[in-house]
């Protein structure tokens, strides 16, 4: 198979459809989709996980030098 080299490749913006909550430890699935005159191509399923926010269990006093 012989193909032509890709031309006119530019950076593209992406828009997310959906909601990401502020709850940490949530796993999200997403995939990219590209469309052109030849049709539509879907990327592989990918994931990202949000981190759980750290909550201090005790209050600590800091000196001015530590701030």
PDB file of N, CA and C in Angstrom:
ATOM      1  N   UNK A   1       0.852  -1.171   0.000  1.00  0.00           N
ATOM      2  CA  UNK A   1       0.000   0.000   0.000  1.00  0.00           C
ATOM      3  C   UNK A   1       0.890   1.224   0.000  1.00  0.00           C
ATOM      4  N   UNK A   2       0.612   2.155  -0.875  1.00  0.00           N
ATOM      5  CA  UNK A   2       1.341   3.415  -0.928  1.00  0.00           C
ATOM      6  C   UNK A   2       0.384   4.532  -0.556  1.00  0.00           C
ATOM      7  N   UNK A   3       0.832   5.407   0.310  1.00  0.00           N
ATOM      8  CA  UNK A   3      -0.013   6.531   0.719  1.00  0.00           C
ATOM      9  C   UNK A   3       0.728   7.834   0.496  1.00  0.00           C
ATOM     10  N   UNK A   4      -0.014   8.905   0.388  1.00  0.00           N
ATOM     11  CA  UNK A   4       0.572  10.235   0.292  1.00  0.00           C
ATOM     12  C   UNK A   4       0.880  10.728   1.695  1.00  0.00           C
ATOM     13  N   UNK A   5       1.963  11.499   1.856  1.00  0.00           N
ATOM     14  CA  UNK A   5       2.241  12.047   3.184  1.00  0.00           C
ATOM     15  C   UNK A   5       1.146  13.018   3.612  1.00  0.00           C
ATOM     16  N   UNK A   6       0.944  13.091   4.896  1.00  0.00           N
ATOM     17  CA  UNK A   6      -0.062  14.012   5.435  1.00  0.00           C
ATOM     18  C   UNK A   6       0.384  15.446   5.208  1.00  0.00           C
ATOM     19  N   UNK A   7      -0.547  16.291   4.847  1.00  0.00           N
ATOM     20  CA  UNK A   7      -0.251  17.712   4.645  1.00  0.00           C
ATOM     21  C   UNK A   7      -1.269  18.539   5.403  1.00  0.00           C
ATOM     22  N   UNK A   8      -0.901  19.762   5.679  1.00  0.00           N
ATOM     23  CA  UNK A   8      -1.837  20.679   6.324  1.00  0.00           C
ATOM     24  C   UNK A   8      -2.213  20.272   7.731  1.00  0.00           C
ATOM     25  N   UNK A   9      -1.302  19.596   8.427  1.00  0.00           N
ATOM     26  CA  UNK A   9      -1.606  19.187   9.798  1.00  0.00           C
ATOM     27  C   UNK A   9      -1.393  20.372  10.718  1.00  0.00           C
ATOM     28  N   UNK A  10      -2.387  20.687  11.503  1.00  0.00           N
ATOM     29  CA  UNK A  10      -2.337  21.819  12.420  1.00  0.00           C
ATOM     30  C   UNK A  10      -2.856  21.394  13.786  1.00  0.00           C
ATOM     31  N   UNK A  11      -2.523  22.191  14.778  1.00  0.00           N
ATOM     32  CA  UNK A  11      -3.078  21.953  16.114  1.00  0.00           C
ATOM     33  C   UNK A  11      -4.585  22.156  16.069  1.00  0.00           C
ATOM     34  N   UNK A  12      -5.295  21.414  16.862  1.00  0.00           N
ATOM     35  CA  UNK A  12      -6.750  21.522  16.894  1.00  0.00           C
ATOM     36  C   UNK A  12      -7.221  21.613  18.335  1.00  0.00           C
ATOM     37  N   UNK A  13      -8.303  22.316  18.528  1.00  0.00           N
ATOM     38  CA  UNK A  13      -8.915  22.422  19.854  1.00  0.00           C
ATOM     39  C   UNK A  13      -9.903  21.281  20.040  1.00  0.00           C
ATOM     40  N   UNK A  14     -10.171  20.966  21.274  1.00  0.00           N
ATOM     41  CA  UNK A  14     -11.136  19.915  21.579  1.00  0.00           C
ATOM     42  C   UNK A  14     -12.179  20.451  22.539  1.00  0.00           C
ATOM     43  N   UNK A  15     -13.388  19.995  22.370  1.00  0.00           N
ATOM     44  CA  UNK A  15     -14.482  20.368  23.257  1.00  0.00           C
ATOM     45  C   UNK A  15     -14.988  19.113  23.939  1.00  0.00           C
ATOM     46  N   UNK A  16     -15.094  19.177  25.243  1.00  0.00           N
ATOM     47  CA  UNK A  16     -15.613  18.027  25.975  1.00  0.00           C
ATOM     48  C   UNK A  16     -17.116  18.139  26.139  1.00  0.00           C
ATOM     49  N   UNK A  17     -17.805  17.071  25.875  1.00  0.00           N
ATOM     50  CA  UNK A  17     -19.243  17.015  26.115  1.00  0.00           C
ATOM     51  C   UNK A  17     -19.467  16.134  27.329  1.00  0.00           C
ATOM     52  N   UNK A  18     -19.923  16.719  28.392  1.00  0.00           N
ATOM     53  CA  UNK A  18     -20.146  15.957  29.607  1.00  0.00           C
ATOM     54  C   UNK A  18     -19.748  16.780  30.810  1.00  0.00           C
ATOM     55  N   UNK A  19     -19.824  16.176  31.942  1.00  0.00           N
ATOM     56  CA  UNK A  19     -19.515  16.866  33.193  1.00  0.00           C
ATOM     57  C   UNK A  19     -18.424  16.128  33.940  1.00  0.00           C
ATOM     58  N   UNK A  20     -17.478  16.893  34.449  1.00  0.00           N
ATOM     59  CA  UNK A  20     -16.472  16.347  35.344  1.00  0.00           C
ATOM     60  C   UNK A  20     -16.776  16.905  36.714  1.00  0.00           C
ATOM     61  N   UNK A  21     -17.014  16.028  37.661  1.00  0.00           N
ATOM     62  CA  UNK A  21     -17.369  16.472  39.006  1.00  0.00           C
ATOM     63  C   UNK A  21     -16.113  16.819  39.786  1.00  0.00           C
ATOM     64  N   UNK A  22     -16.290  17.475  40.901  1.00  0.00           N
ATOM     65  CA  UNK A  22     -15.151  17.806  41.745  1.00  0.00           C
ATOM     66  C   UNK A  22     -14.878  16.718  42.774  1.00  0.00           C
ATOM     67  N   UNK A  23     -15.518  15.584  42.631  1.00  0.00           N
ATOM     68  CA  UNK A  23     -15.248  14.448  43.515  1.00  0.00           C
ATOM     69  C   UNK A  23     -13.987  13.755  43.028  1.00  0.00           C
ATOM     70  N   UNK A  24     -13.021  13.593  43.902  1.00  0.00           N
ATOM     71  CA  UNK A  24     -11.794  12.924  43.507  1.00  0.00           C
ATOM     72  C   UNK A  24     -11.986  11.425  43.379  1.00  0.00           C
ATOM     73  N   UNK A  25     -11.031  10.785  42.724  1.00  0.00           N
ATOM     74  CA  UNK A  25     -11.066   9.342  42.583  1.00  0.00           C
ATOM     75  C   UNK A  25     -12.075   8.849  41.567  1.00  0.00           C
ATOM     76  N   UNK A  26     -12.456   9.697  40.615  1.00  0.00           N
ATOM     77  CA  UNK A  26     -13.427   9.311  39.599  1.00  0.00           C
ATOM     78  C   UNK A  26     -12.687   8.970  38.308  1.00  0.00           C
ATOM     79  N   UNK A  27     -13.049   7.872  37.666  1.00  0.00           N
ATOM     80  CA  UNK A  27     -12.447   7.444  36.412  1.00  0.00           C
ATOM     81  C   UNK A  27     -13.348   7.866  35.260  1.00  0.00           C
ATOM     82  N   UNK A  28     -12.780   8.582  34.289  1.00  0.00           N
ATOM     83  CA  UNK A  28     -13.522   9.038  33.118  1.00  0.00           C
ATOM     84  C   UNK A  28     -12.973   8.357  31.872  1.00  0.00           C
ATOM     85  N   UNK A  29     -13.856   7.983  30.965  1.00  0.00           N
ATOM     86  CA  UNK A  29     -13.481   7.400  29.680  1.00  0.00           C
ATOM     87  C   UNK A  29     -13.732   8.441  28.596  1.00  0.00           C
ATOM     88  N   UNK A  30     -12.830   8.491  27.604  1.00  0.00           N
ATOM     89  CA  UNK A  30     -13.021   9.405  26.486  1.00  0.00           C
ATOM     90  C   UNK A  30     -12.360   8.826  25.243  1.00  0.00           C
ATOM     91  N   UNK A  31     -12.715   9.359  24.086  1.00  0.00           N
ATOM     92  CA  UNK A  31     -12.067   8.994  22.827  1.00  0.00           C
ATOM     93  C   UNK A  31     -12.141  10.181  21.873  1.00  0.00           C
ATOM     94  N   UNK A  32     -11.157  10.280  21.023  1.00  0.00           N
ATOM     95  CA  UNK A  32     -11.125  11.348  20.024  1.00  0.00           C
ATOM     96  C   UNK A  32     -11.863  10.876  18.777  1.00  0.00           C
ATOM     97  N   UNK A  33     -12.417  11.835  18.052  1.00  0.00           N
ATOM     98  CA  UNK A  33     -13.094  11.526  16.800  1.00  0.00           C
ATOM     99  C   UNK A  33     -12.622  12.535  15.763  1.00  0.00           C
ATOM    100  N   UNK A  34     -12.213  12.048  14.597  1.00  0.00           N
ATOM    101  CA  UNK A  34     -11.760  12.918  13.507  1.00  0.00           C
ATOM    102  C   UNK A  34     -12.693  12.749  12.318  1.00  0.00           C
ATOM    103  N   UNK A  35     -13.049  13.867  11.697  1.00  0.00           N
ATOM    104  CA  UNK A  35     -13.921  13.830  10.521  1.00  0.00           C
ATOM    105  C   UNK A  35     -13.275  14.635   9.402  1.00  0.00           C
ATOM    106  N   UNK A  36     -13.356  14.100   8.192  1.00  0.00           N
ATOM    107  CA  UNK A  36     -12.951  14.846   7.001  1.00  0.00           C
ATOM    108  C   UNK A  36     -13.735  14.305   5.811  1.00  0.00           C
ATOM    109  N   UNK A  37     -13.322  14.702   4.616  1.00  0.00           N
ATOM    110  CA  UNK A  37     -14.073  14.294   3.425  1.00  0.00           C
ATOM    111  C   UNK A  37     -14.031  12.781   3.194  1.00  0.00           C
ATOM    112  N   UNK A  38     -13.063  12.097   3.779  1.00  0.00           N
ATOM    113  CA  UNK A  38     -12.957  10.642   3.619  1.00  0.00           C
ATOM    114  C   UNK A  38     -13.831   9.879   4.606  1.00  0.00           C
ATOM    115  N   UNK A  39     -14.364  10.572   5.603  1.00  0.00           N
ATOM    116  CA  UNK A  39     -15.219   9.896   6.568  1.00  0.00           C
ATOM    117  C   UNK A  39     -14.885  10.259   7.997  1.00  0.00           C
ATOM    118  N   UNK A  40     -15.214   9.364   8.895  1.00  0.00           N
ATOM    119  CA  UNK A  40     -15.026   9.575  10.330  1.00  0.00           C
ATOM    120  C   UNK A  40     -14.169   8.451  10.898  1.00  0.00           C
ATOM    121  N   UNK A  41     -13.247   8.816  11.769  1.00  0.00           N
ATOM    122  CA  UNK A  41     -12.412   7.827  12.455  1.00  0.00           C
ATOM    123  C   UNK A  41     -12.509   8.070  13.950  1.00  0.00           C
ATOM    124  N   UNK A  42     -12.672   7.005  14.705  1.00  0.00           N
ATOM    125  CA  UNK A  42     -12.749   7.092  16.159  1.00  0.00           C
ATOM    126  C   UNK A  42     -11.466   6.561  16.778  1.00  0.00           C
ATOM    127  N   UNK A  43     -10.951   7.283  17.761  1.00  0.00           N
ATOM    128  CA  UNK A  43      -9.761   6.845  18.479  1.00  0.00           C
ATOM    129  C   UNK A  43     -10.095   5.770  19.490  1.00  0.00           C
ATOM    130  N   UNK A  44      -9.054   5.231  20.087  1.00  0.00           N
ATOM    131  CA  UNK A  44      -9.228   4.210  21.122  1.00  0.00           C
ATOM    132  C   UNK A  44      -9.808   4.819  22.389  1.00  0.00           C
ATOM    133  N   UNK A  45     -10.463   3.986  23.167  1.00  0.00           N
ATOM    134  CA  UNK A  45     -10.972   4.402  24.467  1.00  0.00           C
ATOM    135  C   UNK A  45      -9.787   4.706  25.369  1.00  0.00           C
ATOM    136  N   UNK A  46      -9.775   5.880  25.979  1.00  0.00           N
ATOM    137  CA  UNK A  46      -8.720   6.292  26.910  1.00  0.00           C
ATOM    138  C   UNK A  46      -9.383   6.667  28.223  1.00  0.00           C
ATOM    139  N   UNK A  47      -8.608   6.738  29.284  1.00  0.00           N
ATOM    140  CA  UNK A  47      -9.159   7.087  30.589  1.00  0.00           C
ATOM    141  C   UNK A  47      -8.306   8.143  31.271  1.00  0.00           C
ATOM    142  N   UNK A  48      -8.939   8.839  32.183  1.00  0.00           N
ATOM    143  CA  UNK A  48      -8.228   9.711  33.104  1.00  0.00           C
ATOM    144  C   UNK A  48      -8.916   9.593  34.446  1.00  0.00           C
ATOM    145  N   UNK A  49      -8.136   9.706  35.491  1.00  0.00           N
ATOM    146  CA  UNK A  49      -8.675   9.603  36.846  1.00  0.00           C
ATOM    147  C   UNK A  49      -8.370  10.891  37.591  1.00  0.00           C
ATOM    148  N   UNK A  50      -9.369  11.414  38.269  1.00  0.00           N
ATOM    149  CA  UNK A  50      -9.150  12.602  39.088  1.00  0.00           C
ATOM    150  C   UNK A  50      -8.572  12.166  40.426  1.00  0.00           C
ATOM    151  N   UNK A  51      -7.771  13.036  41.006  1.00  0.00           N
ATOM    152  CA  UNK A  51      -7.167  12.687  42.289  1.00  0.00           C
ATOM    153  C   UNK A  51      -8.104  13.071  43.425  1.00  0.00           C
ATOM    154  N   UNK A  52      -8.005  12.327  44.493  1.00  0.00           N
ATOM    155  CA  UNK A  52      -8.799  12.618  45.683  1.00  0.00           C
ATOM    156  C   UNK A  52      -8.154  13.775  46.425  1.00  0.00           C
ATOM    157  N   UNK A  53      -8.909  14.810  46.742  1.00  0.00           N
ATOM    158  CA  UNK A  53      -8.324  15.947  47.454  1.00  0.00           C
ATOM    159  C   UNK A  53      -7.796  15.525  48.821  1.00  0.00           C
ATOM    160  N   UNK A  54      -6.688  16.119  49.217  1.00  0.00           N
ATOM    161  CA  UNK A  54      -6.119  15.850  50.534  1.00  0.00           C
ATOM    162  C   UNK A  54      -6.863  16.678  51.567  1.00  0.00           C
ATOM    163  N   UNK A  55      -7.286  16.036  52.613  1.00  0.00           N
ATOM    164  CA  UNK A  55      -7.953  16.727  53.717  1.00  0.00           C
ATOM    165  C   UNK A  55      -7.134  16.459  54.974  1.00  0.00           C
ATOM    166  N   UNK A  56      -6.647  17.521  55.579  1.00  0.00           N
ATOM    167  CA  UNK A  56      -5.842  17.365  56.792  1.00  0.00           C
ATOM    168  C   UNK A  56      -6.725  16.882  57.930  1.00  0.00           C
ATOM    169  N   UNK A  57      -6.217  15.921  58.662  1.00  0.00           N
ATOM    170  CA  UNK A  57      -6.994  15.404  59.783  1.00  0.00           C
ATOM    171  C   UNK A  57      -6.731  16.194  61.061  1.00  0.00           C
ATOM    172  N   UNK A  58      -5.684  17.007  61.052  1.00  0.00           N
ATOM    173  CA  UNK A  58      -5.354  17.836  62.216  1.00  0.00           C
ATOM    174  C   UNK A  58      -4.933  19.212  61.730  1.00  0.00           C
ATOM    175  N   UNK A  59      -5.064  20.176  62.595  1.00  0.00           N
ATOM    176  CA  UNK A  59      -4.572  21.519  62.290  1.00  0.00           C
ATOM    177  C   UNK A  59      -3.131  21.623  62.769  1.00  0.00           C
ATOM    178  N   UNK A  60      -2.302  22.267  61.986  1.00  0.00           N
ATOM    179  CA  UNK A  60      -0.898  22.450  62.344  1.00  0.00           C
ATOM    180  C   UNK A  60      -0.580  23.934  62.344  1.00  0.00           C
ATOM    181  N   UNK A  61       0.178  24.360  63.337  1.00  0.00           N
ATOM    182  CA  UNK A  61       0.610  25.753  63.412  1.00  0.00           C
ATOM    183  C   UNK A  61       1.915  25.894  62.634  1.00  0.00           C
ATOM    184  N   UNK A  62       2.000  26.922  61.795  1.00  0.00           N
ATOM    185  CA  UNK A  62       3.206  27.196  61.024  1.00  0.00           C
ATOM    186  C   UNK A  62       3.817  28.500  61.493  1.00  0.00           C
ATOM    187  N   UNK A  63       5.129  28.535  61.509  1.00  0.00           N
ATOM    188  CA  UNK A  63       5.805  29.789  61.846  1.00  0.00           C
ATOM    189  C   UNK A  63       5.813  30.691  60.617  1.00  0.00           C
ATOM    190  N   UNK A  64       6.140  31.949  60.788  1.00  0.00           N
ATOM    191  CA  UNK A  64       6.206  32.881  59.658  1.00  0.00           C
ATOM    192  C   UNK A  64       7.218  32.417  58.626  1.00  0.00           C
ATOM    193  N   UNK A  65       8.304  31.799  59.073  1.00  0.00           N
ATOM    194  CA  UNK A  65       9.336  31.333  58.159  1.00  0.00           C
ATOM    195  C   UNK A  65       8.847  30.180  57.277  1.00  0.00           C
ATOM    196  N   UNK A  66       7.895  29.426  57.763  1.00  0.00           N
ATOM    197  CA  UNK A  66       7.384  28.287  57.003  1.00  0.00           C
ATOM    198  C   UNK A  66       6.336  28.698  55.975  1.00  0.00           C
ATOM    199  N   UNK A  67       5.809  29.896  56.084  1.00  0.00           N
ATOM    200  CA  UNK A  67       4.772  30.337  55.158  1.00  0.00           C
ATOM    201  C   UNK A  67       5.320  30.816  53.872  1.00  0.00           C
TER     202      UNK A  67
END
